[in-house]
């Protein structure tokens, strides 16, 4: 059976650091950086990329559409 591996891409200049994506991630993948974008906001990133399943919760709740979610089936 194939396993699903996920990944997110965050548009760091669009993300305003609202942190809405963090509590909806069932795998506890997303955190905020200590760095800031050019608008002065901390932005989201994948702290634990191996745990991402590509569930799309973060992309759905992002009010700025700053998160794109990708899913790939990998052999077990």
Protein backbone atom coordinates (compact mmCIF):
# COMPACT_ATOMS: atom_id res chain seq x y z
CA UNK A 1 0.00 0.00 0.00
CA UNK A 2 1.32 3.44 -0.91
CA UNK A 3 1.91 6.03 1.77
CA UNK A 4 1.07 9.68 1.22
CA UNK A 5 3.85 12.19 1.79
CA UNK A 6 2.93 15.84 2.03
CA UNK A 7 4.71 19.14 1.77
CA UNK A 8 3.74 22.76 2.10
CA UNK A 9 5.17 25.81 0.41
CA UNK A 10 4.65 29.08 2.27
CA UNK A 11 4.73 32.35 0.37
CA UNK A 12 6.86 34.11 2.96
CA UNK A 13 6.04 37.58 1.70
CA UNK A 14 2.28 36.97 1.80
CA UNK A 15 2.19 35.25 5.21
CA UNK A 16 1.31 37.73 7.95
CA UNK A 17 2.05 35.39 10.85
CA UNK A 18 -1.53 35.00 12.08
CA UNK A 19 -0.72 31.43 13.26
CA UNK A 20 -4.15 30.08 12.25
CA UNK A 21 -2.41 27.20 10.47
CA UNK A 22 -0.57 25.90 13.54
CA UNK A 23 -3.46 24.50 15.63
CA UNK A 24 -5.21 22.88 12.64
CA UNK A 25 -2.18 20.76 11.71
CA UNK A 26 -2.87 17.26 13.08
CA UNK A 27 0.79 16.25 12.72
CA UNK A 28 2.27 19.32 14.48
CA UNK A 29 4.38 20.23 11.44
CA UNK A 30 4.10 24.02 11.28
CA UNK A 31 5.88 26.65 13.36
CA UNK A 32 6.69 30.34 13.01
CA UNK A 33 10.19 31.49 12.11
CA UNK A 34 12.26 33.87 14.17
CA UNK A 35 13.02 35.71 10.93
CA UNK A 36 10.68 38.33 9.53
CA UNK A 37 9.59 39.08 5.99
CA UNK A 38 9.93 42.53 4.43
CA UNK A 39 6.63 43.60 6.05
CA UNK A 40 7.99 42.71 9.49
CA UNK A 41 5.92 39.55 10.07
CA UNK A 42 7.18 36.21 11.31
CA UNK A 43 6.08 33.58 8.80
CA UNK A 44 5.14 29.91 8.89
CA UNK A 45 7.49 27.08 7.93
CA UNK A 46 7.64 23.28 8.13
CA UNK A 47 9.52 22.43 11.31
CA UNK A 48 8.89 18.71 10.97
CA UNK A 49 8.55 18.02 7.21
CA UNK A 50 8.74 14.22 7.51
CA UNK A 51 5.48 14.16 9.47
CA UNK A 52 3.42 16.09 6.87
CA UNK A 53 0.62 14.02 5.31
CA UNK A 54 -0.63 16.73 2.98
CA UNK A 55 -4.01 16.93 4.70
CA UNK A 56 -4.53 20.51 3.37
CA UNK A 57 -5.96 21.86 6.66
CA UNK A 58 -3.37 24.64 6.78
CA UNK A 59 -4.01 25.72 3.21
CA UNK A 60 -7.77 25.77 3.74
CA UNK A 61 -7.70 27.97 6.85
CA UNK A 62 -5.00 30.40 5.67
CA UNK A 63 -6.82 33.72 5.23
CA UNK A 64 -4.16 35.03 2.85
CA UNK A 65 -3.76 31.91 0.69
CA UNK A 66 -0.08 31.92 1.56
CA UNK A 67 0.16 28.12 1.88
CA UNK A 68 0.21 25.66 -1.01
CA UNK A 69 -0.07 21.96 -0.14
CA UNK A 70 1.37 19.11 -2.21
CA UNK A 71 0.80 15.37 -1.86
CA UNK A 72 2.83 12.54 -3.35
CA UNK A 73 2.27 8.80 -3.02
CA UNK A 74 5.44 6.94 -2.08
CA UNK A 75 6.03 3.23 -1.99
CA UNK A 76 5.92 1.68 1.44
